[in-house]
Amino acid sequence: QLKKGYMDEEIGLSGDDLENAYPSQHQNSGAPIVNIEFNEKGTKLFGKLTEDIYRKQQETGFRDQIAIILDGQQLIAPVVHTPITAGTAIIQGPDFTIERVKDLSLLLESGRLPIPIELIQERDVDAILGADSLRKSVIAGIVGLLLVLLFMTLYYRIPGLVASVALIIYAMIVLTIFKMIPVTLTLSGVAAAILSIGMAVDANILIFERMKDELRAGRTMLSSINIGFNRAWPAIRDGNVSTLITCAILYWFSEQLGATIVQGFAVTLAIGVLISMFSAIVVSRTLMRVVALTPISRKVRLFMPTGGKDIAGRQS
C-alpha cells in the first residue's frame, strides 16, 4: 500500500498494481537500487500521483514523500524527483547496500503476491509422545555407551579400562556444559551426542594401536604411551577438524534455510567433538601415564589387545 505525505493520505495504489520489483545497480553511479514496474492501472495511478507531487514541489518548494506500507509497517518513504509516467521507477538511497535492496525487493514482491492460507491437514500430537521418544533415545544412548565400555575393556584390557574411565569423564563434562549453556536436548541433539562418543572411542583406538606397535618394538611402557599418543595425534586432529568443518557448514546452511533441527545437531556435535579431543588427548594420556607408574605396567600382556601377541611372540 502507498500513502502520500505526512497527512497519511491513501492514494489507491496497492501491491496488486505492482508488476515486478527486483534489485539492480544505477547505470551511472553503480549504486544499489530497487527497480519497480507497474501494471496498466498502477502506471496511470502512479503517473498521476508523481505529476501532482512534482507540481506541488515546484509551487511550494516542499518535497512530499510516498510511503510504502506493508502489514501496517513503513518500509521506506522515498521522495519524487520528476514525474514518472512510463510505469517503471527506481528507489535509491545513500544508505542502500546490496543486501538492503535485495530485502526491500523481496518485501515488495511479497506484498504483491496474494498468498492464500488453506488448511490442508490438522493433527493433534500429544506432548507425551515427544518426551517418550526423547527418553527412549537417551536410554539407547546409555546402553550403547555401556556396550562400548564393555567392548573396550574386554578387548584392549588395561588401556580399554582407562578409555572407559575417560569416556565417563567425557560424558560428565558434556552434560555439565549442556547444563551451563544451556542446551535443550532434542532427538537430533541426542544423536549428535552419541556420534561424538563414537569419535572419542575412535581416537582412543588409534592411540592404543600405535601404543601396541611401540610395545611390540620393545620400548618401555612410558615411552610407548608417549610415542603412541604423538603418532596418533595427526590422524585424530585431521578427523576431528574435518568433522568441525562439516558442523560449521551444516550450521550455516541450516541458519539460511531455517532448519533449527539441523542447527541443533551441528552445535551439539561440535561441542561433543571438541570435548572428545580433550578427553582422548589429555584425560586418557594422563590416566595412562599414572598406570605406567604402577607395578601393573610390568605385565605387558595386559596392555595388548585380546588375541594379539606380546613382545615374546606368545598368543595373549
C-alpha atoms as a PDB file:
ATOM      1  CA  GLN A   1       0.000   0.000   0.000  1.00  0.00           C
ATOM      2  CA  LEU A   2       1.264   3.510  -0.833  1.00  0.00           C
ATOM      3  CA  LYS A   3       0.423   6.636   1.157  1.00  0.00           C
ATOM      4  CA  LYS A   4       1.265  10.263   0.390  1.00  0.00           C
ATOM      5  CA  GLY A   5       2.904  12.809   2.635  1.00  0.00           C
ATOM      6  CA  TYR A   6       2.633  13.405   6.325  1.00  0.00           C
ATOM      7  CA  MET A   7      -1.161  13.553   6.046  1.00  0.00           C
ATOM      8  CA  ASP A   8      -1.209   9.738   5.797  1.00  0.00           C
ATOM      9  CA  GLU A   9      -3.406  10.088   2.725  1.00  0.00           C
ATOM     10  CA  GLU A  10      -4.139   6.833   0.913  1.00  0.00           C
ATOM     11  CA  ILE A  11      -3.680   7.168  -2.823  1.00  0.00           C
ATOM     12  CA  GLY A  12      -5.282   3.965  -4.084  1.00  0.00           C
ATOM     13  CA  LEU A  13      -2.098   2.140  -5.091  1.00  0.00           C
ATOM     14  CA  SER A  14      -1.563  -1.340  -3.624  1.00  0.00           C
ATOM     15  CA  GLY A  15       0.532  -4.430  -4.173  1.00  0.00           C
ATOM     16  CA  ASP A  16      -1.963  -5.588  -6.798  1.00  0.00           C
ATOM     17  CA  ASP A  17      -0.838  -2.696  -9.021  1.00  0.00           C
ATOM     18  CA  LEU A  18       2.826  -3.724  -8.838  1.00  0.00           C
ATOM     19  CA  GLU A  19       4.050  -5.888 -11.703  1.00  0.00           C
ATOM     20  CA  ASN A  20       7.609  -6.558 -10.565  1.00  0.00           C
ATOM     21  CA  ALA A  21      10.302  -5.461  -8.089  1.00  0.00           C
ATOM     22  CA  TYR A  22      13.942  -6.502  -8.303  1.00  0.00           C
ATOM     23  CA  PRO A  23      17.396  -5.327  -7.149  1.00  0.00           C
ATOM     24  CA  SER A  24      19.738  -3.658  -9.630  1.00  0.00           C
ATOM     25  CA  GLN A  25      22.506  -1.058  -9.950  1.00  0.00           C
ATOM     26  CA  HIS A  26      22.305   2.546 -11.082  1.00  0.00           C
ATOM     27  CA  GLN A  27      23.584   2.784 -14.656  1.00  0.00           C
ATOM     28  CA  ASN A  28      25.680   5.867 -13.895  1.00  0.00           C
ATOM     29  CA  SER A  29      26.878   5.569 -10.289  1.00  0.00           C
ATOM     30  CA  GLY A  30      26.659   1.787  -9.914  1.00  0.00           C
ATOM     31  CA  ALA A  31      24.892   2.242  -6.561  1.00  0.00           C
ATOM     32  CA  PRO A  32      22.407  -0.445  -5.458  1.00  0.00           C
ATOM     33  CA  ILE A  33      18.811   0.413  -6.369  1.00  0.00           C
ATOM     34  CA  VAL A  34      15.381  -1.207  -6.473  1.00  0.00           C
ATOM     35  CA  ASN A  35      13.582  -1.320  -9.822  1.00  0.00           C
ATOM     36  CA  ILE A  36       9.794  -1.353  -9.692  1.00  0.00           C
ATOM     37  CA  GLU A  37       7.363  -1.922 -12.565  1.00  0.00           C
ATOM     38  CA  PHE A  38       3.623  -1.244 -12.501  1.00  0.00           C
ATOM     39  CA  ASN A  39       0.763  -2.799 -14.445  1.00  0.00           C
ATOM     40  CA  GLU A  40      -1.541  -0.686 -16.594  1.00  0.00           C
ATOM     41  CA  LYS A  41      -3.711   0.516 -13.722  1.00  0.00           C
ATOM     42  CA  GLY A  42      -0.713   1.133 -11.492  1.00  0.00           C
ATOM     43  CA  THR A  43       1.072   3.069 -14.239  1.00  0.00           C
ATOM     44  CA  LYS A  44      -1.825   5.519 -14.530  1.00  0.00           C
ATOM     45  CA  LEU A  45      -2.243   5.969 -10.772  1.00  0.00           C
ATOM     46  CA  PHE A  46       1.492   6.318 -10.106  1.00  0.00           C
ATOM     47  CA  GLY A  47       1.933   8.683 -13.061  1.00  0.00           C
ATOM     48  CA  LYS A  48      -0.850  10.976 -11.850  1.00  0.00           C
ATOM     49  CA  LEU A  49       0.491  10.842  -8.294  1.00  0.00           C
ATOM     50  CA  THR A  50       4.051  11.791  -9.245  1.00  0.00           C
ATOM     51  CA  GLU A  51       2.823  14.585 -11.530  1.00  0.00           C
ATOM     52  CA  ASP A  52       0.752  16.061  -8.680  1.00  0.00           C
ATOM     53  CA  ILE A  53       3.626  15.792  -6.208  1.00  0.00           C
ATOM     54  CA  TYR A  54       6.148  17.297  -8.640  1.00  0.00           C
ATOM     55  CA  ARG A  55       3.826  20.214  -9.457  1.00  0.00           C
ATOM     56  CA  LYS A  56       3.276  20.869  -5.748  1.00  0.00           C
ATOM     57  CA  GLN A  57       7.041  20.826  -5.176  1.00  0.00           C
ATOM     58  CA  GLN A  58       7.545  23.430  -7.893  1.00  0.00           C
ATOM     59  CA  GLU A  59       4.878  25.669  -6.364  1.00  0.00           C
ATOM     60  CA  THR A  60       5.709  25.363  -2.667  1.00  0.00           C
ATOM     61  CA  GLY A  61       9.267  24.023  -2.569  1.00  0.00           C
ATOM     62  CA  PHE A  62       8.082  21.316  -0.169  1.00  0.00           C
ATOM     63  CA  ARG A  63       9.040  17.745  -1.066  1.00  0.00           C
ATOM     64  CA  ASP A  64       6.233  15.329  -0.370  1.00  0.00           C
ATOM     65  CA  GLN A  65       7.026  11.668   0.308  1.00  0.00           C
ATOM     66  CA  ILE A  66       5.456   8.428  -0.840  1.00  0.00           C
ATOM     67  CA  ALA A  67       5.425   5.890   1.986  1.00  0.00           C
ATOM     68  CA  ILE A  68       5.435   2.188   1.118  1.00  0.00           C
ATOM     69  CA  ILE A  69       3.468   0.293   3.779  1.00  0.00           C
ATOM     70  CA  LEU A  70       3.465  -3.486   4.321  1.00  0.00           C
ATOM     71  CA  ASP A  71       1.314  -5.013   7.078  1.00  0.00           C
ATOM     72  CA  GLY A  72       0.989  -1.631   8.749  1.00  0.00           C
ATOM     73  CA  GLN A  73       4.757  -1.050   8.856  1.00  0.00           C
ATOM     74  CA  GLN A  74       6.532   1.580   6.769  1.00  0.00           C
ATOM     75  CA  LEU A  75       9.249   0.015   4.614  1.00  0.00           C
ATOM     76  CA  ILE A  76      10.578   3.216   3.066  1.00  0.00           C
ATOM     77  CA  ALA A  77       9.375   6.731   2.181  1.00  0.00           C
ATOM     78  CA  PRO A  78      11.164   7.982  -0.965  1.00  0.00           C
ATOM     79  CA  VAL A  79      10.764  11.459  -2.465  1.00  0.00           C
ATOM     80  CA  VAL A  80       9.793  12.242  -6.063  1.00  0.00           C
ATOM     81  CA  HIS A  81      12.387  13.982  -8.241  1.00  0.00           C
ATOM     82  CA  THR A  82      10.417  14.001 -11.512  1.00  0.00           C
ATOM     83  CA  PRO A  83       7.036  12.874 -12.900  1.00  0.00           C
ATOM     84  CA  ILE A  84       7.075   9.117 -13.637  1.00  0.00           C
ATOM     85  CA  THR A  85       4.541   8.123 -16.262  1.00  0.00           C
ATOM     86  CA  ALA A  86       6.241   5.210 -18.055  1.00  0.00           C
ATOM     87  CA  GLY A  87       5.263   2.609 -15.461  1.00  0.00           C
ATOM     88  CA  THR A  88       8.813   1.989 -14.235  1.00  0.00           C
ATOM     89  CA  ALA A  89      10.690   3.671 -11.400  1.00  0.00           C
ATOM     90  CA  ILE A  90      13.748   3.246  -9.224  1.00  0.00           C
ATOM     91  CA  ILE A  91      14.179   3.617  -5.462  1.00  0.00           C
ATOM     92  CA  GLN A  92      17.617   4.697  -4.276  1.00  0.00           C
ATOM     93  CA  GLY A  93      19.156   5.948  -1.064  1.00  0.00           C
ATOM     94  CA  PRO A  94      22.552   6.950   0.352  1.00  0.00           C
ATOM     95  CA  ASP A  95      22.487   4.084   2.864  1.00  0.00           C
ATOM     96  CA  PHE A  96      21.409   1.411   0.373  1.00  0.00           C
ATOM     97  CA  THR A  97      23.509  -1.757   0.293  1.00  0.00           C
ATOM     98  CA  ILE A  98      23.159  -4.833  -1.885  1.00  0.00           C
ATOM     99  CA  GLU A  99      21.542  -6.720   0.997  1.00  0.00           C
ATOM    100  CA  ARG A 100      19.155  -3.834   1.693  1.00  0.00           C
ATOM    101  CA  VAL A 101      17.871  -3.619  -1.882  1.00  0.00           C
ATOM    102  CA  LYS A 102      17.502  -7.407  -2.018  1.00  0.00           C
ATOM    103  CA  ASP A 103      15.446  -7.395   1.173  1.00  0.00           C
ATOM    104  CA  LEU A 104      13.353  -4.436   0.020  1.00  0.00           C
ATOM    105  CA  SER A 105      12.681  -6.071  -3.362  1.00  0.00           C
ATOM    106  CA  LEU A 106      11.642  -9.277  -1.632  1.00  0.00           C
ATOM    107  CA  LEU A 107       9.283  -7.413   0.691  1.00  0.00           C
ATOM    108  CA  LEU A 108       7.714  -5.545  -2.219  1.00  0.00           C
ATOM    109  CA  GLU A 109       7.257  -8.825  -4.079  1.00  0.00           C
ATOM    110  CA  SER A 110       5.723 -10.496  -1.031  1.00  0.00           C
ATOM    111  CA  GLY A 111       3.248  -7.631  -0.776  1.00  0.00           C
ATOM    112  CA  ARG A 112       2.411  -8.033  -4.455  1.00  0.00           C
ATOM    113  CA  LEU A 113       1.687 -11.759  -4.412  1.00  0.00           C
ATOM    114  CA  PRO A 114      -1.594 -12.950  -2.923  1.00  0.00           C
ATOM    115  CA  ILE A 115      -0.828 -15.851  -0.570  1.00  0.00           C
ATOM    116  CA  PRO A 116      -3.984 -17.665   0.485  1.00  0.00           C
ATOM    117  CA  ILE A 117      -3.940 -19.678   3.695  1.00  0.00           C
ATOM    118  CA  GLU A 118      -5.619 -23.039   3.313  1.00  0.00           C
ATOM    119  CA  LEU A 119      -5.891 -25.756   5.947  1.00  0.00           C
ATOM    120  CA  ILE A 120      -4.661 -28.985   4.362  1.00  0.00           C
ATOM    121  CA  GLN A 121      -4.336 -31.246   7.379  1.00  0.00           C
ATOM    122  CA  GLU A 122      -4.947 -30.954  11.088  1.00  0.00           C
ATOM    123  CA  ARG A 123      -3.446 -33.333  13.628  1.00  0.00           C
ATOM    124  CA  ASP A 124      -3.006 -33.267  17.401  1.00  0.00           C
ATOM    125  CA  VAL A 125       0.246 -34.672  18.773  1.00  0.00           C
ATOM    126  CA  ASP A 126       0.411 -35.372  22.474  1.00  0.00           C
ATOM    127  CA  ALA A 127       3.460 -33.826  24.128  1.00  0.00           C
ATOM    128  CA  ILE A 128       3.982 -37.148  25.933  1.00  0.00           C
ATOM    129  CA  LEU A 129       4.941 -38.757  22.603  1.00  0.00           C
ATOM    130  CA  GLY A 130       7.864 -36.358  22.153  1.00  0.00           C
ATOM    131  CA  ALA A 131       9.001 -36.854  25.742  1.00  0.00           C
ATOM    132  CA  ASP A 132       8.730 -40.628  25.359  1.00  0.00           C
ATOM    133  CA  SER A 133      10.807 -40.592  22.162  1.00  0.00           C
ATOM    134  CA  LEU A 134      13.462 -38.471  23.858  1.00  0.00           C
ATOM    135  CA  ARG A 135      13.507 -40.778  26.892  1.00  0.00           C
ATOM    136  CA  LYS A 136      13.952 -43.854  24.704  1.00  0.00           C
ATOM    137  CA  SER A 137      16.743 -42.131  22.763  1.00  0.00           C
ATOM    138  CA  VAL A 138      18.580 -41.307  25.997  1.00  0.00           C
ATOM    139  CA  ILE A 139      18.194 -44.908  27.189  1.00  0.00           C
ATOM    140  CA  ALA A 140      19.507 -46.162  23.842  1.00  0.00           C
ATOM    141  CA  GLY A 141      22.485 -43.816  24.159  1.00  0.00           C
ATOM    142  CA  ILE A 142      23.275 -45.047  27.686  1.00  0.00           C
ATOM    143  CA  VAL A 143      23.006 -48.697  26.614  1.00  0.00           C
ATOM    144  CA  GLY A 144      25.249 -48.000  23.628  1.00  0.00           C
ATOM    145  CA  LEU A 145      27.811 -46.285  25.868  1.00  0.00           C
ATOM    146  CA  LEU A 146      27.834 -49.244  28.278  1.00  0.00           C
ATOM    147  CA  LEU A 147      28.340 -51.700  25.410  1.00  0.00           C
ATOM    148  CA  VAL A 148      31.230 -49.603  24.095  1.00  0.00           C
ATOM    149  CA  LEU A 149      32.820 -49.523  27.556  1.00  0.00           C
ATOM    150  CA  LEU A 150      32.415 -53.293  27.877  1.00  0.00           C
ATOM    151  CA  PHE A 151      33.976 -53.951  24.473  1.00  0.00           C
ATOM    152  CA  MET A 152      36.902 -51.596  25.091  1.00  0.00           C
ATOM    153  CA  THR A 153      37.649 -53.212  28.462  1.00  0.00           C
ATOM    154  CA  LEU A 154      37.403 -56.801  27.201  1.00  0.00           C
ATOM    155  CA  TYR A 155      39.410 -56.243  24.020  1.00  0.00           C
ATOM    156  CA  TYR A 156      42.021 -53.644  24.992  1.00  0.00           C
ATOM    157  CA  ARG A 157      42.245 -54.714  28.651  1.00  0.00           C
ATOM    158  CA  ILE A 158      44.014 -52.086  30.804  1.00  0.00           C
ATOM    159  CA  PRO A 159      44.057 -49.381  28.074  1.00  0.00           C
ATOM    160  CA  GLY A 160      40.397 -50.167  27.396  1.00  0.00           C
ATOM    161  CA  LEU A 161      39.580 -49.751  31.075  1.00  0.00           C
ATOM    162  CA  VAL A 162      41.423 -46.417  31.073  1.00  0.00           C
ATOM    163  CA  ALA A 163      39.486 -45.355  27.968  1.00  0.00           C
ATOM    164  CA  SER A 164      36.236 -46.327  29.706  1.00  0.00           C
ATOM    165  CA  VAL A 165      37.053 -44.063  32.648  1.00  0.00           C
ATOM    166  CA  ALA A 166      37.988 -41.269  30.206  1.00  0.00           C
ATOM    167  CA  LEU A 167      34.669 -41.721  28.366  1.00  0.00           C
ATOM    168  CA  ILE A 168      32.725 -41.480  31.626  1.00  0.00           C
ATOM    169  CA  ILE A 169      34.591 -38.256  32.438  1.00  0.00           C
ATOM    170  CA  TYR A 170      33.840 -37.085  28.876  1.00  0.00           C
ATOM    171  CA  ALA A 171      30.116 -37.756  29.343  1.00  0.00           C
ATOM    172  CA  MET A 172      30.103 -35.840  32.646  1.00  0.00           C
ATOM    173  CA  ILE A 173      31.854 -32.833  31.058  1.00  0.00           C
ATOM    174  CA  VAL A 174      29.419 -32.823  28.119  1.00  0.00           C
ATOM    175  CA  LEU A 175      26.370 -32.935  30.386  1.00  0.00           C
ATOM    176  CA  THR A 176      27.840 -30.163  32.555  1.00  0.00           C
ATOM    177  CA  ILE A 177      28.411 -27.903  29.535  1.00  0.00           C
ATOM    178  CA  PHE A 178      24.926 -28.666  28.202  1.00  0.00           C
ATOM    179  CA  LYS A 179      23.543 -27.613  31.589  1.00  0.00           C
ATOM    180  CA  MET A 180      25.626 -24.418  31.737  1.00  0.00           C
ATOM    181  CA  ILE A 181      24.905 -23.089  28.212  1.00  0.00           C
ATOM    182  CA  PRO A 182      22.068 -24.395  28.472  1.00  0.00           C
ATOM    183  CA  VAL A 183      21.360 -26.847  25.633  1.00  0.00           C
ATOM    184  CA  THR A 184      17.860 -28.227  25.130  1.00  0.00           C
ATOM    185  CA  LEU A 185      18.284 -31.892  24.238  1.00  0.00           C
ATOM    186  CA  THR A 186      16.191 -32.884  21.234  1.00  0.00           C
ATOM    187  CA  LEU A 187      16.286 -36.132  19.270  1.00  0.00           C
ATOM    188  CA  SER A 188      18.849 -34.636  16.888  1.00  0.00           C
ATOM    189  CA  GLY A 189      20.915 -33.419  19.852  1.00  0.00           C
ATOM    190  CA  VAL A 190      20.947 -36.889  21.414  1.00  0.00           C
ATOM    191  CA  ALA A 191      22.019 -38.362  18.066  1.00  0.00           C
ATOM    192  CA  ALA A 192      24.871 -35.846  17.834  1.00  0.00           C
ATOM    193  CA  ALA A 193      25.984 -36.604  21.407  1.00  0.00           C
ATOM    194  CA  ILE A 194      26.060 -40.346  20.688  1.00  0.00           C
ATOM    195  CA  LEU A 195      28.002 -39.720  17.477  1.00  0.00           C
ATOM    196  CA  SER A 196      30.584 -37.667  19.377  1.00  0.00           C
ATOM    197  CA  ILE A 197      31.060 -40.618  21.757  1.00  0.00           C
ATOM    198  CA  GLY A 198      31.979 -42.673  18.710  1.00  0.00           C
ATOM    199  CA  MET A 199      34.539 -40.024  17.761  1.00  0.00           C
ATOM    200  CA  ALA A 200      36.058 -40.242  21.251  1.00  0.00           C
ATOM    201  CA  VAL A 201      36.257 -44.051  21.070  1.00  0.00           C
ATOM    202  CA  ASP A 202      37.838 -43.848  17.627  1.00  0.00           C
ATOM    203  CA  ALA A 203      40.555 -41.540  18.979  1.00  0.00           C
ATOM    204  CA  ASN A 204      41.350 -43.952  21.812  1.00  0.00           C
ATOM    205  CA  ILE A 205      41.554 -46.904  19.428  1.00  0.00           C
ATOM    206  CA  LEU A 206      44.035 -45.039  17.218  1.00  0.00           C
ATOM    207  CA  ILE A 207      46.175 -44.266  20.274  1.00  0.00           C
ATOM    208  CA  PHE A 208      46.119 -47.830  21.617  1.00  0.00           C
ATOM    209  CA  GLU A 209      47.012 -49.342  18.245  1.00  0.00           C
ATOM    210  CA  ARG A 210      50.028 -47.034  17.953  1.00  0.00           C
ATOM    211  CA  MET A 211      50.999 -47.834  21.536  1.00  0.00           C
ATOM    212  CA  LYS A 212      50.719 -51.560  20.819  1.00  0.00           C
ATOM    213  CA  ASP A 213      53.172 -51.232  17.927  1.00  0.00           C
ATOM    214  CA  GLU A 214      55.678 -49.490  20.182  1.00  0.00           C
ATOM    215  CA  LEU A 215      55.365 -52.183  22.864  1.00  0.00           C
ATOM    216  CA  ARG A 216      55.992 -54.882  20.278  1.00  0.00           C
ATOM    217  CA  ALA A 217      59.080 -52.965  19.163  1.00  0.00           C
ATOM    218  CA  GLY A 218      60.470 -53.431  22.691  1.00  0.00           C
ATOM    219  CA  ARG A 219      60.033 -49.907  24.076  1.00  0.00           C
ATOM    220  CA  THR A 220      59.237 -49.233  27.714  1.00  0.00           C
ATOM    221  CA  MET A 221      55.662 -48.690  28.802  1.00  0.00           C
ATOM    222  CA  LEU A 222      56.003 -44.930  29.407  1.00  0.00           C
ATOM    223  CA  SER A 223      57.895 -44.433  26.148  1.00  0.00           C
ATOM    224  CA  SER A 224      55.278 -46.454  24.232  1.00  0.00           C
ATOM    225  CA  ILE A 225      52.498 -44.315  25.703  1.00  0.00           C
ATOM    226  CA  ASN A 226      54.176 -41.021  24.770  1.00  0.00           C
ATOM    227  CA  ILE A 227      55.137 -42.122  21.252  1.00  0.00           C
ATOM    228  CA  GLY A 228      51.732 -43.748  20.683  1.00  0.00           C
ATOM    229  CA  PHE A 229      49.887 -40.546  21.557  1.00  0.00           C
ATOM    230  CA  ASN A 230      52.240 -38.405  19.460  1.00  0.00           C
ATOM    231  CA  ARG A 231      51.873 -40.620  16.381  1.00  0.00           C
ATOM    232  CA  ALA A 232      48.099 -40.906  16.705  1.00  0.00           C
ATOM    233  CA  TRP A 233      47.581 -37.158  17.147  1.00  0.00           C
ATOM    234  CA  PRO A 234      47.783 -36.123  13.435  1.00  0.00           C
ATOM    235  CA  ALA A 235      45.070 -38.624  12.446  1.00  0.00           C
ATOM    236  CA  ILE A 236      42.887 -37.618  15.417  1.00  0.00           C
ATOM    237  CA  ARG A 237      43.366 -33.915  14.674  1.00  0.00           C
ATOM    238  CA  ASP A 238      42.560 -34.222  10.963  1.00  0.00           C
ATOM    239  CA  GLY A 239      39.482 -36.366  11.550  1.00  0.00           C
ATOM    240  CA  ASN A 240      38.038 -34.065  14.193  1.00  0.00           C
ATOM    241  CA  VAL A 241      38.828 -30.868  12.276  1.00  0.00           C
ATOM    242  CA  SER A 242      37.029 -32.336   9.242  1.00  0.00           C
ATOM    243  CA  THR A 243      34.013 -33.032  11.443  1.00  0.00           C
ATOM    244  CA  LEU A 244      34.099 -29.490  12.860  1.00  0.00           C
ATOM    245  CA  ILE A 245      34.205 -28.032   9.340  1.00  0.00           C
ATOM    246  CA  THR A 246      31.193 -30.173   8.445  1.00  0.00           C
ATOM    247  CA  CYS A 247      29.403 -28.890  11.562  1.00  0.00           C
ATOM    248  CA  ALA A 248      30.133 -25.294  10.535  1.00  0.00           C
ATOM    249  CA  ILE A 249      28.740 -25.920   7.036  1.00  0.00           C
ATOM    250  CA  LEU A 250      25.628 -27.606   8.444  1.00  0.00           C
ATOM    251  CA  TYR A 251      25.097 -24.729  10.877  1.00  0.00           C
ATOM    252  CA  TRP A 252      25.448 -22.085   8.146  1.00  0.00           C
ATOM    253  CA  PHE A 253      23.103 -23.803   5.696  1.00  0.00           C
ATOM    254  CA  SER A 254      20.542 -24.596   8.402  1.00  0.00           C
ATOM    255  CA  GLU A 255      20.627 -20.943   9.519  1.00  0.00           C
ATOM    256  CA  GLN A 256      19.974 -19.798   5.944  1.00  0.00           C
ATOM    257  CA  LEU A 257      17.150 -22.308   5.454  1.00  0.00           C
ATOM    258  CA  GLY A 258      15.696 -22.033   8.950  1.00  0.00           C
ATOM    259  CA  ALA A 259      16.271 -25.725   9.741  1.00  0.00           C
ATOM    260  CA  THR A 260      16.650 -25.459  13.519  1.00  0.00           C
ATOM    261  CA  ILE A 261      16.795 -29.251  13.954  1.00  0.00           C
ATOM    262  CA  VAL A 262      19.926 -29.492  11.806  1.00  0.00           C
ATOM    263  CA  GLN A 263      21.327 -26.406  13.544  1.00  0.00           C
ATOM    264  CA  GLY A 264      20.951 -28.070  16.937  1.00  0.00           C
ATOM    265  CA  PHE A 265      22.584 -31.244  15.629  1.00  0.00           C
ATOM    266  CA  ALA A 266      25.580 -29.281  14.311  1.00  0.00           C
ATOM    267  CA  VAL A 267      26.108 -27.329  17.558  1.00  0.00           C
ATOM    268  CA  THR A 268      25.782 -30.409  19.778  1.00  0.00           C
ATOM    269  CA  LEU A 269      28.130 -32.451  17.597  1.00  0.00           C
ATOM    270  CA  ALA A 270      30.730 -29.661  17.520  1.00  0.00           C
ATOM    271  CA  ILE A 271      30.694 -29.382  21.324  1.00  0.00           C
ATOM    272  CA  GLY A 272      30.972 -33.157  21.662  1.00  0.00           C
ATOM    273  CA  VAL A 273      33.867 -33.400  19.202  1.00  0.00           C
ATOM    274  CA  LEU A 274      35.859 -30.659  20.945  1.00  0.00           C
ATOM    275  CA  ILE A 275      35.404 -32.328  24.324  1.00  0.00           C
ATOM    276  CA  SER A 276      36.200 -35.772  22.882  1.00  0.00           C
ATOM    277  CA  MET A 277      39.536 -34.435  21.631  1.00  0.00           C
ATOM    278  CA  PHE A 278      40.284 -33.130  25.119  1.00  0.00           C
ATOM    279  CA  SER A 279      39.201 -36.451  26.652  1.00  0.00           C
ATOM    280  CA  ALA A 280      41.342 -38.596  24.349  1.00  0.00           C
ATOM    281  CA  ILE A 281      44.494 -36.474  24.352  1.00  0.00           C
ATOM    282  CA  VAL A 282      44.531 -35.051  27.892  1.00  0.00           C
ATOM    283  CA  VAL A 283      42.420 -37.305  30.129  1.00  0.00           C
ATOM    284  CA  SER A 284      43.363 -40.672  28.577  1.00  0.00           C
ATOM    285  CA  ARG A 285      47.020 -39.701  28.324  1.00  0.00           C
ATOM    286  CA  THR A 286      47.192 -38.587  31.958  1.00  0.00           C
ATOM    287  CA  LEU A 287      45.486 -41.761  33.183  1.00  0.00           C
ATOM    288  CA  MET A 288      47.765 -43.980  31.077  1.00  0.00           C
ATOM    289  CA  ARG A 289      50.856 -42.246  32.482  1.00  0.00           C
ATOM    290  CA  VAL A 290      49.573 -42.838  36.014  1.00  0.00           C
ATOM    291  CA  VAL A 291      49.021 -46.526  35.229  1.00  0.00           C
ATOM    292  CA  ALA A 292      52.530 -46.759  33.715  1.00  0.00           C
ATOM    293  CA  LEU A 293      53.998 -45.795  37.099  1.00  0.00           C
ATOM    294  CA  THR A 294      52.259 -48.681  38.901  1.00  0.00           C
ATOM    295  CA  PRO A 295      53.544 -52.299  39.200  1.00  0.00           C
ATOM    296  CA  ILE A 296      50.826 -53.491  36.805  1.00  0.00           C
ATOM    297  CA  SER A 297      52.724 -51.862  33.929  1.00  0.00           C
ATOM    298  CA  ARG A 298      55.236 -54.736  34.110  1.00  0.00           C
ATOM    299  CA  LYS A 299      52.550 -57.121  32.839  1.00  0.00           C
ATOM    300  CA  VAL A 300      52.794 -56.081  29.209  1.00  0.00           C
ATOM    301  CA  ARG A 301      50.243 -58.667  28.056  1.00  0.00           C
ATOM    302  CA  LEU A 302      47.535 -56.733  29.925  1.00  0.00           C
ATOM    303  CA  PHE A 303      48.246 -53.783  27.630  1.00  0.00           C
ATOM    304  CA  MET A 304      47.976 -55.842  24.420  1.00  0.00           C
ATOM    305  CA  PRO A 305      44.625 -56.411  22.667  1.00  0.00           C
ATOM    306  CA  THR A 306      42.925 -59.756  23.200  1.00  0.00           C
ATOM    307  CA  GLY A 307      44.058 -62.232  20.559  1.00  0.00           C
ATOM    308  CA  GLY A 308      47.281 -60.290  19.874  1.00  0.00           C
ATOM    309  CA  LYS A 309      50.840 -61.295  20.573  1.00  0.00           C
ATOM    310  CA  ASP A 310      53.035 -59.975  23.350  1.00  0.00           C
ATOM    311  CA  ILE A 311      56.683 -58.960  22.975  1.00  0.00           C
ATOM    312  CA  ALA A 312      57.879 -62.575  23.172  1.00  0.00           C
ATOM    313  CA  GLY A 313      55.548 -63.538  20.365  1.00  0.00           C
ATOM    314  CA  ARG A 314      53.197 -65.589  22.560  1.00  0.00           C
ATOM    315  CA  GLN A 315      49.448 -65.539  21.901  1.00  0.00           C
ATOM    316  CA  SER A 316      47.708 -63.450  24.597  1.00  0.00           C
END
